[in-house]
Every structure is written in C-alpha cells, then in structure tokens.
Amino acid sequence: MVRPKTEEEIELLRINGQLVSRTLAEVGKIVAPGVTTLELDRVAETFIRDNGAIPSFKGFEGFPSALCISVNDVVVHGFPSDYVLKEGDIVSVDCGTLYKGYNGDSAYTFPVGEVDAETRKLLDVTKASLYKGIEAAVAGNRTGDIGHAVQSYAESFGFSVVRELEGHGLGTEMHEDPGVPNYGRQGHGTKLLEGMTICIEPMICAGGRGVYLARNGWAVHTSDHRNAAHYELTVVVRKGKAEQLSTFDFIEKDGNIKF
C-alpha cells in the first residue's frame, strides 16, 4: 500500500538522506587507482556508525556489506572485495542507512582517475536522466511519467535502460511501494500523491539492456559486459516540484569529483 508520509516522517527521512549523501562523499574522497573496494566499504561503515546510524544494507537478506559496490559491467548489488580499482574504471556505490527507524538510500557512480569520452558521456547522461525523472515526480503525475522521462532521455543518446530493476518507495522499510521503473508510458502507473517518498535510480547501459544475475545471487551484470552507470536520489513528491532528501552536493561541490 502506498502511504504518503507526515512531515515528521519526512524530516527523519531527510536526516537519513543527508547522512547517505555525506557518506558517499567520504567514499568519493578515496576513490582512486590502487584502492580496493573493501576499503571503500570500511570507510562507509565507520562513518555511518560514527554518526549514530546503522548501515542498513549489511545483513539485509544476507547481503554481507555496508555498501553495494558495482564496478564497470556490474549494474548493481556488487560485493565489496579485494578488487583493486584501476585507472579508467567506473564504480557505482550504493549506500543505505537506518536511523531512528527510518531509511536513507542513495547511489553515485564514480570515475576512477581519467575515463574515456564514451564512459564520461554514459555517466553524464545517466545522472542527467535521474534529474529528468525527478522533474516528473510531482503530485498528479504517475510513475510512468518518471520512467518515460528517464527512458526517453537516456535512449536519445543511444544508451539503454535496464528493465528488470527499478526504484522504490522509502520509509520505515528499505523497499516500499510504489515501484518506480526507469521506462514507461506517460499517464500510466501508480498515481503520485503529495508526501510520497520515493527513490529514483536510473540504471543505464552503454550497450544493450540485457542483464544476468551472477552465481552469488546478488550482482547484476550487463549481458554484453559493457559498462553500466547507476545514480539514485530520494525525493518527496510535492505539488509543482519534487523535494530532494538526498543530494550529490557533498560529492561534487566539495571538489571530490573532477569533471
């Protein structure tokens, strides 16, 4: 059941949204060639716990880590490991927190050192498609309007949209209704009500949209092994313009990412 949140609940979600945003910025500070993805996870978990929250991904349905860390052709749900980041890699970092009974959730795809022009374009278009989706997340629209905004933008650059995975509602549970696909038809899907809190998270592929699940039952790879990018923000549906509860400002305005 879709339930709009009270302003008190939204404030708790905002606190979590700021914490996941700050955590991603801490991770971004050390993303570089020669760093293992396990080290990224360690930094995040320490930061989350030092701020009085719990890393909500750790232990969720058996997931072993604080972060989902997905490198290159891994779309989402990759495990942190001894993998050493290399120049030209891209690494999607998805972070969740639990504080005072409410959740935070956000993701950012970091370039590792210098990346080639096509990869830079994939990152830029994926992030821009997220903001296109946010523009459509207003009261009276439907989830199909969000999906259409993401899909039409990403596909106009020749990229493809993963269809097996989607965004979601957020509250006391990590995944709540409604589902928020990254493709769709305008005017279709669940109606957006003021006060609904949702995560919009485009997962965009450089090549075809086919994916497969790894043997560990978690990591989702592109079928053609070309790169995929993933960005996620939490927003509140409002009249006229959505309100962001998480932000990339801590990552980008503090100079952690070079464009």
C-alpha atoms as a PDB file:
ATOM      1  CA  MET A   1       0.000   0.000   0.000  1.00  0.00           C
ATOM      2  CA  VAL A   2       1.246   3.464  -0.891  1.00  0.00           C
ATOM      3  CA  ARG A   3       1.105   5.833   2.066  1.00  0.00           C
ATOM      4  CA  PRO A   4       2.218   9.473   1.934  1.00  0.00           C
ATOM      5  CA  LYS A   5       4.471  10.408   4.823  1.00  0.00           C
ATOM      6  CA  THR A   6       3.811  13.003   7.514  1.00  0.00           C
ATOM      7  CA  GLU A   7       6.133  15.998   7.750  1.00  0.00           C
ATOM      8  CA  GLU A   8       7.636  14.452  10.903  1.00  0.00           C
ATOM      9  CA  GLU A   9       8.439  11.279   8.991  1.00  0.00           C
ATOM     10  CA  ILE A  10       9.832  13.278   6.093  1.00  0.00           C
ATOM     11  CA  GLU A  11      12.200  15.050   8.483  1.00  0.00           C
ATOM     12  CA  LEU A  12      13.587  11.709   9.668  1.00  0.00           C
ATOM     13  CA  LEU A  13      13.995  10.605   6.071  1.00  0.00           C
ATOM     14  CA  ARG A  14      15.757  13.911   5.351  1.00  0.00           C
ATOM     15  CA  ILE A  15      18.240  13.254   8.166  1.00  0.00           C
ATOM     16  CA  ASN A  16      18.977   9.837   6.677  1.00  0.00           C
ATOM     17  CA  GLY A  17      19.184  11.331   3.199  1.00  0.00           C
ATOM     18  CA  GLN A  18      21.803  13.811   4.332  1.00  0.00           C
ATOM     19  CA  LEU A  19      23.775  11.046   6.042  1.00  0.00           C
ATOM     20  CA  VAL A  20      23.897   8.778   2.997  1.00  0.00           C
ATOM     21  CA  SER A  21      24.889  11.793   0.911  1.00  0.00           C
ATOM     22  CA  ARG A  22      27.736  12.664   3.266  1.00  0.00           C
ATOM     23  CA  THR A  23      28.810   9.025   3.409  1.00  0.00           C
ATOM     24  CA  LEU A  24      29.075   8.855  -0.378  1.00  0.00           C
ATOM     25  CA  ALA A  25      31.213  11.994  -0.276  1.00  0.00           C
ATOM     26  CA  GLU A  26      33.548  10.347   2.241  1.00  0.00           C
ATOM     27  CA  VAL A  27      33.848   7.345  -0.050  1.00  0.00           C
ATOM     28  CA  GLY A  28      34.447   9.609  -3.026  1.00  0.00           C
ATOM     29  CA  LYS A  29      37.462  11.147  -1.339  1.00  0.00           C
ATOM     30  CA  ILE A  30      39.381   7.877  -1.581  1.00  0.00           C
ATOM     31  CA  VAL A  31      38.168   6.515  -4.924  1.00  0.00           C
ATOM     32  CA  ALA A  32      41.422   6.195  -6.872  1.00  0.00           C
ATOM     33  CA  PRO A  33      43.546   3.662  -8.712  1.00  0.00           C
ATOM     34  CA  GLY A  34      45.114   1.210  -6.263  1.00  0.00           C
ATOM     35  CA  VAL A  35      42.294   1.292  -3.696  1.00  0.00           C
ATOM     36  CA  THR A  36      40.293  -1.874  -3.014  1.00  0.00           C
ATOM     37  CA  THR A  37      36.526  -1.831  -2.951  1.00  0.00           C
ATOM     38  CA  LEU A  38      36.687  -3.349   0.546  1.00  0.00           C
ATOM     39  CA  GLU A  39      38.421  -0.184   1.700  1.00  0.00           C
ATOM     40  CA  LEU A  40      35.541   1.901   0.330  1.00  0.00           C
ATOM     41  CA  ASP A  41      33.151  -0.245   2.333  1.00  0.00           C
ATOM     42  CA  ARG A  42      35.205   0.116   5.510  1.00  0.00           C
ATOM     43  CA  VAL A  43      35.230   3.907   5.255  1.00  0.00           C
ATOM     44  CA  ALA A  44      31.467   3.999   4.727  1.00  0.00           C
ATOM     45  CA  GLU A  45      30.577   1.684   7.583  1.00  0.00           C
ATOM     46  CA  THR A  46      32.822   3.551  10.010  1.00  0.00           C
ATOM     47  CA  PHE A  47      31.343   6.913   9.001  1.00  0.00           C
ATOM     48  CA  ILE A  48      27.747   5.701   9.279  1.00  0.00           C
ATOM     49  CA  ARG A  49      28.279   4.166  12.716  1.00  0.00           C
ATOM     50  CA  ASP A  50      30.262   7.178  13.957  1.00  0.00           C
ATOM     51  CA  ASN A  51      27.174   9.257  13.140  1.00  0.00           C
ATOM     52  CA  GLY A  52      24.893   7.066  15.242  1.00  0.00           C
ATOM     53  CA  ALA A  53      23.227   5.169  12.423  1.00  0.00           C
ATOM     54  CA  ILE A  54      23.256   1.597  11.144  1.00  0.00           C
ATOM     55  CA  PRO A  55      24.375   0.549   7.631  1.00  0.00           C
ATOM     56  CA  SER A  56      21.023  -0.851   6.552  1.00  0.00           C
ATOM     57  CA  PHE A  57      22.324  -2.951   3.662  1.00  0.00           C
ATOM     58  CA  LYS A  58      24.557  -5.065   5.905  1.00  0.00           C
ATOM     59  CA  GLY A  59      22.717  -8.282   6.696  1.00  0.00           C
ATOM     60  CA  PHE A  60      19.688  -7.389   4.547  1.00  0.00           C
ATOM     61  CA  GLU A  61      18.514 -10.755   3.181  1.00  0.00           C
ATOM     62  CA  GLY A  62      22.061 -11.977   3.729  1.00  0.00           C
ATOM     63  CA  PHE A  63      23.931  -9.142   1.980  1.00  0.00           C
ATOM     64  CA  PRO A  64      27.410  -9.092   3.559  1.00  0.00           C
ATOM     65  CA  SER A  65      28.469  -5.442   3.401  1.00  0.00           C
ATOM     66  CA  ALA A  66      27.574  -1.840   4.180  1.00  0.00           C
ATOM     67  CA  LEU A  67      27.742  -0.818   0.531  1.00  0.00           C
ATOM     68  CA  CYS A  68      26.754  -2.265  -2.805  1.00  0.00           C
ATOM     69  CA  ILE A  69      29.857  -1.647  -4.933  1.00  0.00           C
ATOM     70  CA  SER A  70      29.493  -2.369  -8.636  1.00  0.00           C
ATOM     71  CA  VAL A  71      32.445  -1.968 -10.996  1.00  0.00           C
ATOM     72  CA  ASN A  72      32.236  -1.470 -14.773  1.00  0.00           C
ATOM     73  CA  ASP A  73      29.803  -4.067 -16.207  1.00  0.00           C
ATOM     74  CA  VAL A  74      28.173  -4.756 -12.817  1.00  0.00           C
ATOM     75  CA  VAL A  75      24.951  -2.759 -12.812  1.00  0.00           C
ATOM     76  CA  VAL A  76      24.054  -3.053  -9.109  1.00  0.00           C
ATOM     77  CA  HIS A  77      24.432  -5.199  -5.976  1.00  0.00           C
ATOM     78  CA  GLY A  78      28.122  -5.969  -6.315  1.00  0.00           C
ATOM     79  CA  PHE A  79      30.028  -7.172  -3.234  1.00  0.00           C
ATOM     80  CA  PRO A  80      32.982  -5.189  -1.885  1.00  0.00           C
ATOM     81  CA  SER A  81      36.091  -7.317  -2.352  1.00  0.00           C
ATOM     82  CA  ASP A  82      39.868  -7.324  -2.732  1.00  0.00           C
ATOM     83  CA  TYR A  83      39.429  -5.980  -6.264  1.00  0.00           C
ATOM     84  CA  VAL A  84      41.874  -3.115  -6.813  1.00  0.00           C
ATOM     85  CA  LEU A  85      40.410  -0.181  -8.710  1.00  0.00           C
ATOM     86  CA  LYS A  86      42.200   0.681 -11.954  1.00  0.00           C
ATOM     87  CA  GLU A  87      42.541   3.870 -13.960  1.00  0.00           C
ATOM     88  CA  GLY A  88      39.531   4.148 -16.274  1.00  0.00           C
ATOM     89  CA  ASP A  89      37.189   2.005 -14.158  1.00  0.00           C
ATOM     90  CA  ILE A  90      33.806   3.251 -13.024  1.00  0.00           C
ATOM     91  CA  VAL A  91      32.387   2.223  -9.665  1.00  0.00           C
ATOM     92  CA  SER A  92      28.763   2.529  -8.592  1.00  0.00           C
ATOM     93  CA  VAL A  93      28.477   2.970  -4.819  1.00  0.00           C
ATOM     94  CA  ASP A  94      25.010   2.421  -3.332  1.00  0.00           C
ATOM     95  CA  CYS A  95      24.582   3.328   0.340  1.00  0.00           C
ATOM     96  CA  GLY A  96      21.798   2.788   2.868  1.00  0.00           C
ATOM     97  CA  THR A  97      21.330   3.941   6.453  1.00  0.00           C
ATOM     98  CA  LEU A  98      18.868   3.273   9.244  1.00  0.00           C
ATOM     99  CA  TYR A  99      18.413   5.991  11.858  1.00  0.00           C
ATOM    100  CA  LYS A 100      15.536   6.378  14.308  1.00  0.00           C
ATOM    101  CA  GLY A 101      13.553   3.729  12.473  1.00  0.00           C
ATOM    102  CA  TYR A 102      13.745   5.318   9.017  1.00  0.00           C
ATOM    103  CA  ASN A 103      15.922   4.648   5.996  1.00  0.00           C
ATOM    104  CA  GLY A 104      18.233   6.547   3.710  1.00  0.00           C
ATOM    105  CA  ASP A 105      19.247   5.385   0.231  1.00  0.00           C
ATOM    106  CA  SER A 106      21.394   6.975  -2.458  1.00  0.00           C
ATOM    107  CA  ALA A 107      23.897   5.926  -5.126  1.00  0.00           C
ATOM    108  CA  TYR A 108      26.602   7.558  -7.225  1.00  0.00           C
ATOM    109  CA  THR A 109      28.857   6.243  -9.979  1.00  0.00           C
ATOM    110  CA  PHE A 110      32.428   7.478  -9.566  1.00  0.00           C
ATOM    111  CA  PRO A 111      35.037   7.599 -12.306  1.00  0.00           C
ATOM    112  CA  VAL A 112      38.374   6.133 -11.231  1.00  0.00           C
ATOM    113  CA  GLY A 113      41.044   8.530 -12.408  1.00  0.00           C
ATOM    114  CA  GLU A 114      40.602   9.534 -16.042  1.00  0.00           C
ATOM    115  CA  VAL A 115      37.919   7.764 -18.064  1.00  0.00           C
ATOM    116  CA  ASP A 116      37.439   7.765 -21.825  1.00  0.00           C
ATOM    117  CA  ALA A 117      34.974  10.075 -23.553  1.00  0.00           C
ATOM    118  CA  GLU A 118      32.296   7.436 -24.088  1.00  0.00           C
ATOM    119  CA  THR A 119      32.365   6.452 -20.426  1.00  0.00           C
ATOM    120  CA  ARG A 120      32.212  10.092 -19.351  1.00  0.00           C
ATOM    121  CA  LYS A 121      29.170  10.505 -21.596  1.00  0.00           C
ATOM    122  CA  LEU A 122      27.495   7.450 -20.024  1.00  0.00           C
ATOM    123  CA  LEU A 123      27.980   8.922 -16.542  1.00  0.00           C
ATOM    124  CA  ASP A 124      26.748  12.371 -17.544  1.00  0.00           C
ATOM    125  CA  VAL A 125      23.676  11.080 -19.369  1.00  0.00           C
ATOM    126  CA  THR A 126      22.715   8.663 -16.589  1.00  0.00           C
ATOM    127  CA  LYS A 127      22.911  11.380 -13.954  1.00  0.00           C
ATOM    128  CA  ALA A 128      21.012  13.839 -16.155  1.00  0.00           C
ATOM    129  CA  SER A 129      18.303  11.214 -16.750  1.00  0.00           C
ATOM    130  CA  LEU A 130      17.859  10.986 -12.975  1.00  0.00           C
ATOM    131  CA  TYR A 131      17.147  14.700 -12.786  1.00  0.00           C
ATOM    132  CA  LYS A 132      14.713  14.360 -15.699  1.00  0.00           C
ATOM    133  CA  GLY A 133      12.894  11.720 -13.648  1.00  0.00           C
ATOM    134  CA  ILE A 134      12.866  13.976 -10.597  1.00  0.00           C
ATOM    135  CA  GLU A 135      11.289  16.764 -12.656  1.00  0.00           C
ATOM    136  CA  ALA A 136       8.378  14.395 -13.381  1.00  0.00           C
ATOM    137  CA  ALA A 137       7.937  13.360  -9.725  1.00  0.00           C
ATOM    138  CA  VAL A 138       5.160  15.813  -8.922  1.00  0.00           C
ATOM    139  CA  ALA A 139       1.732  15.296  -7.408  1.00  0.00           C
ATOM    140  CA  GLY A 140      -0.842  14.239 -10.010  1.00  0.00           C
ATOM    141  CA  ASN A 141       1.670  12.567 -12.312  1.00  0.00           C
ATOM    142  CA  ARG A 142       2.227   8.816 -12.408  1.00  0.00           C
ATOM    143  CA  THR A 143       5.230   6.555 -12.111  1.00  0.00           C
ATOM    144  CA  GLY A 144       5.081   6.069 -15.877  1.00  0.00           C
ATOM    145  CA  ASP A 145       5.817   9.771 -16.295  1.00  0.00           C
ATOM    146  CA  ILE A 146       9.039   9.327 -14.309  1.00  0.00           C
ATOM    147  CA  GLY A 147      10.018   6.235 -16.268  1.00  0.00           C
ATOM    148  CA  HIS A 148       9.234   7.893 -19.592  1.00  0.00           C
ATOM    149  CA  ALA A 149      11.370  10.920 -18.686  1.00  0.00           C
ATOM    150  CA  VAL A 150      14.351   8.721 -17.796  1.00  0.00           C
ATOM    151  CA  GLN A 151      13.976   6.372 -20.747  1.00  0.00           C
ATOM    152  CA  SER A 152      13.419   8.966 -23.458  1.00  0.00           C
ATOM    153  CA  TYR A 153      16.426  10.986 -22.334  1.00  0.00           C
ATOM    154  CA  ALA A 154      18.846   8.074 -21.991  1.00  0.00           C
ATOM    155  CA  GLU A 155      17.781   6.403 -25.219  1.00  0.00           C
ATOM    156  CA  SER A 156      18.147   9.656 -27.164  1.00  0.00           C
ATOM    157  CA  PHE A 157      21.907   9.285 -26.646  1.00  0.00           C
ATOM    158  CA  GLY A 158      21.952   5.671 -27.817  1.00  0.00           C
ATOM    159  CA  PHE A 159      22.104   4.130 -24.359  1.00  0.00           C
ATOM    160  CA  SER A 160      19.702   1.521 -22.999  1.00  0.00           C
ATOM    161  CA  VAL A 161      17.643   1.182 -19.823  1.00  0.00           C
ATOM    162  CA  VAL A 162      17.689  -1.862 -17.548  1.00  0.00           C
ATOM    163  CA  ARG A 163      14.099  -3.044 -17.120  1.00  0.00           C
ATOM    164  CA  GLU A 164      14.459  -5.827 -14.569  1.00  0.00           C
ATOM    165  CA  LEU A 165      15.314  -3.401 -11.749  1.00  0.00           C
ATOM    166  CA  GLU A 166      13.610  -0.237 -10.563  1.00  0.00           C
ATOM    167  CA  GLY A 167      13.386   2.482  -7.942  1.00  0.00           C
ATOM    168  CA  HIS A 168      11.042   2.214  -4.972  1.00  0.00           C
ATOM    169  CA  GLY A 169       9.275   3.855  -2.094  1.00  0.00           C
ATOM    170  CA  LEU A 170      11.253   4.523   1.085  1.00  0.00           C
ATOM    171  CA  GLY A 171      10.264   4.841   4.732  1.00  0.00           C
ATOM    172  CA  THR A 172      10.491   2.530   7.710  1.00  0.00           C
ATOM    173  CA  GLU A 173      11.205  -0.213   5.167  1.00  0.00           C
ATOM    174  CA  MET A 174      14.075  -0.070   2.709  1.00  0.00           C
ATOM    175  CA  HIS A 175      11.813  -1.012  -0.181  1.00  0.00           C
ATOM    176  CA  GLU A 176       8.200   0.161  -0.109  1.00  0.00           C
ATOM    177  CA  ASP A 177       5.531   0.675  -2.731  1.00  0.00           C
ATOM    178  CA  PRO A 178       5.370   2.005  -5.344  1.00  0.00           C
ATOM    179  CA  GLY A 179       7.918   0.531  -7.696  1.00  0.00           C
ATOM    180  CA  VAL A 180       9.450   3.262  -9.864  1.00  0.00           C
ATOM    181  CA  PRO A 181      10.585   1.830 -13.237  1.00  0.00           C
ATOM    182  CA  ASN A 182      13.079   3.701 -15.408  1.00  0.00           C
ATOM    183  CA  TYR A 183      10.966   3.167 -18.509  1.00  0.00           C
ATOM    184  CA  GLY A 184       7.277   3.599 -19.164  1.00  0.00           C
ATOM    185  CA  ARG A 185       4.406   5.457 -20.760  1.00  0.00           C
ATOM    186  CA  GLN A 186       3.236   8.876 -19.759  1.00  0.00           C
ATOM    187  CA  GLY A 187      -0.019   8.802 -17.801  1.00  0.00           C
ATOM    188  CA  HIS A 188       0.395   5.178 -16.732  1.00  0.00           C
ATOM    189  CA  GLY A 189       1.405   3.558 -13.470  1.00  0.00           C
ATOM    190  CA  THR A 190       0.790   4.472  -9.839  1.00  0.00           C
ATOM    191  CA  LYS A 191      -0.520   7.966  -9.236  1.00  0.00           C
ATOM    192  CA  LEU A 192       1.907  10.205  -7.346  1.00  0.00           C
ATOM    193  CA  LEU A 193       0.466  11.752  -4.198  1.00  0.00           C
ATOM    194  CA  GLU A 194       1.876  14.682  -2.272  1.00  0.00           C
ATOM    195  CA  GLY A 195       4.060  13.408   0.562  1.00  0.00           C
ATOM    196  CA  MET A 196       5.061  10.137  -1.100  1.00  0.00           C
ATOM    197  CA  THR A 197       8.770   9.441  -0.602  1.00  0.00           C
ATOM    198  CA  ILE A 198      10.459   7.574  -3.434  1.00  0.00           C
ATOM    199  CA  CYS A 199      13.900   6.638  -4.690  1.00  0.00           C
ATOM    200  CA  ILE A 200      14.518   7.274  -8.372  1.00  0.00           C
ATOM    201  CA  GLU A 201      17.527   5.339  -9.647  1.00  0.00           C
ATOM    202  CA  PRO A 202      18.312   5.064 -13.356  1.00  0.00           C
ATOM    203  CA  MET A 203      20.462   2.086 -14.330  1.00  0.00           C
ATOM    204  CA  ILE A 204      21.725   2.806 -17.822  1.00  0.00           C
ATOM    205  CA  CYS A 205      23.854   0.602 -20.091  1.00  0.00           C
ATOM    206  CA  ALA A 206      26.398   1.674 -22.683  1.00  0.00           C
ATOM    207  CA  GLY A 207      25.331  -1.252 -24.876  1.00  0.00           C
ATOM    208  CA  GLY A 208      22.252  -3.463 -24.868  1.00  0.00           C
ATOM    209  CA  ARG A 209      19.802  -3.578 -21.982  1.00  0.00           C
ATOM    210  CA  GLY A 210      20.202  -7.311 -21.304  1.00  0.00           C
ATOM    211  CA  VAL A 211      21.433  -8.337 -17.857  1.00  0.00           C
ATOM    212  CA  TYR A 212      22.098 -11.533 -15.918  1.00  0.00           C
ATOM    213  CA  LEU A 213      22.433 -12.484 -12.258  1.00  0.00           C
ATOM    214  CA  ALA A 214      25.829 -13.690 -11.038  1.00  0.00           C
ATOM    215  CA  ARG A 215      26.227 -17.039  -9.315  1.00  0.00           C
ATOM    216  CA  ASN A 216      26.397 -15.332  -5.914  1.00  0.00           C
ATOM    217  CA  GLY A 217      22.736 -14.426  -6.364  1.00  0.00           C
ATOM    218  CA  TRP A 218      23.332 -10.685  -5.997  1.00  0.00           C
ATOM    219  CA  ALA A 219      25.482  -8.948  -8.599  1.00  0.00           C
ATOM    220  CA  VAL A 220      23.680  -7.999 -11.804  1.00  0.00           C
ATOM    221  CA  HIS A 221      25.934  -7.804 -14.889  1.00  0.00           C
ATOM    222  CA  THR A 222      25.312  -6.480 -18.377  1.00  0.00           C
ATOM    223  CA  SER A 223      24.963  -9.381 -20.803  1.00  0.00           C
ATOM    224  CA  ASP A 224      27.401  -7.819 -23.270  1.00  0.00           C
ATOM    225  CA  HIS A 225      29.830  -6.834 -20.482  1.00  0.00           C
ATOM    226  CA  ARG A 226      29.809  -3.204 -21.494  1.00  0.00           C
ATOM    227  CA  ASN A 227      29.728  -0.585 -18.753  1.00  0.00           C
ATOM    228  CA  ALA A 228      26.635   0.455 -16.825  1.00  0.00           C
ATOM    229  CA  ALA A 229      26.060   3.501 -14.614  1.00  0.00           C
ATOM    230  CA  HIS A 230      23.708   3.981 -11.660  1.00  0.00           C
ATOM    231  CA  TYR A 231      22.642   7.107  -9.778  1.00  0.00           C
ATOM    232  CA  GLU A 232      19.963   7.351  -7.085  1.00  0.00           C
ATOM    233  CA  LEU A 233      18.322  10.112  -5.081  1.00  0.00           C
ATOM    234  CA  THR A 234      15.433  10.131  -2.604  1.00  0.00           C
ATOM    235  CA  VAL A 235      12.699  12.699  -3.172  1.00  0.00           C
ATOM    236  CA  VAL A 236       9.373  13.783  -1.708  1.00  0.00           C
ATOM    237  CA  VAL A 237       6.534  14.198  -4.178  1.00  0.00           C
ATOM    238  CA  ARG A 238       5.230  17.759  -3.902  1.00  0.00           C
ATOM    239  CA  LYS A 239       2.920  19.975  -5.923  1.00  0.00           C
ATOM    240  CA  GLY A 240       4.788  21.583  -8.782  1.00  0.00           C
ATOM    241  CA  LYS A 241       8.314  20.398  -7.899  1.00  0.00           C
ATOM    242  CA  ALA A 242       9.744  17.402  -6.050  1.00  0.00           C
ATOM    243  CA  GLU A 243      11.861  17.993  -2.954  1.00  0.00           C
ATOM    244  CA  GLN A 244      15.193  16.181  -2.719  1.00  0.00           C
ATOM    245  CA  LEU A 245      16.031  14.469   0.547  1.00  0.00           C
ATOM    246  CA  SER A 246      19.445  13.249  -0.592  1.00  0.00           C
ATOM    247  CA  THR A 247      21.921  15.218  -2.670  1.00  0.00           C
ATOM    248  CA  PHE A 248      25.128  14.961  -4.671  1.00  0.00           C
ATOM    249  CA  ASP A 249      26.290  18.370  -3.454  1.00  0.00           C
ATOM    250  CA  PHE A 250      28.616  16.931  -0.813  1.00  0.00           C
ATOM    251  CA  ILE A 251      30.346  14.905  -3.522  1.00  0.00           C
ATOM    252  CA  GLU A 252      30.511  17.477  -6.292  1.00  0.00           C
ATOM    253  CA  LYS A 253      30.639  20.886  -4.625  1.00  0.00           C
ATOM    254  CA  ASP A 254      33.335  19.817  -2.159  1.00  0.00           C
ATOM    255  CA  GLY A 255      35.618  19.055  -5.075  1.00  0.00           C
ATOM    256  CA  ASN A 256      35.804  15.287  -4.700  1.00  0.00           C
ATOM    257  CA  ILE A 257      34.951  14.667  -8.341  1.00  0.00           C
ATOM    258  CA  LYS A 258      36.808  16.239 -11.244  1.00  0.00           C
ATOM    259  CA  PHE A 259      34.828  16.930 -14.403  1.00  0.00           C
END
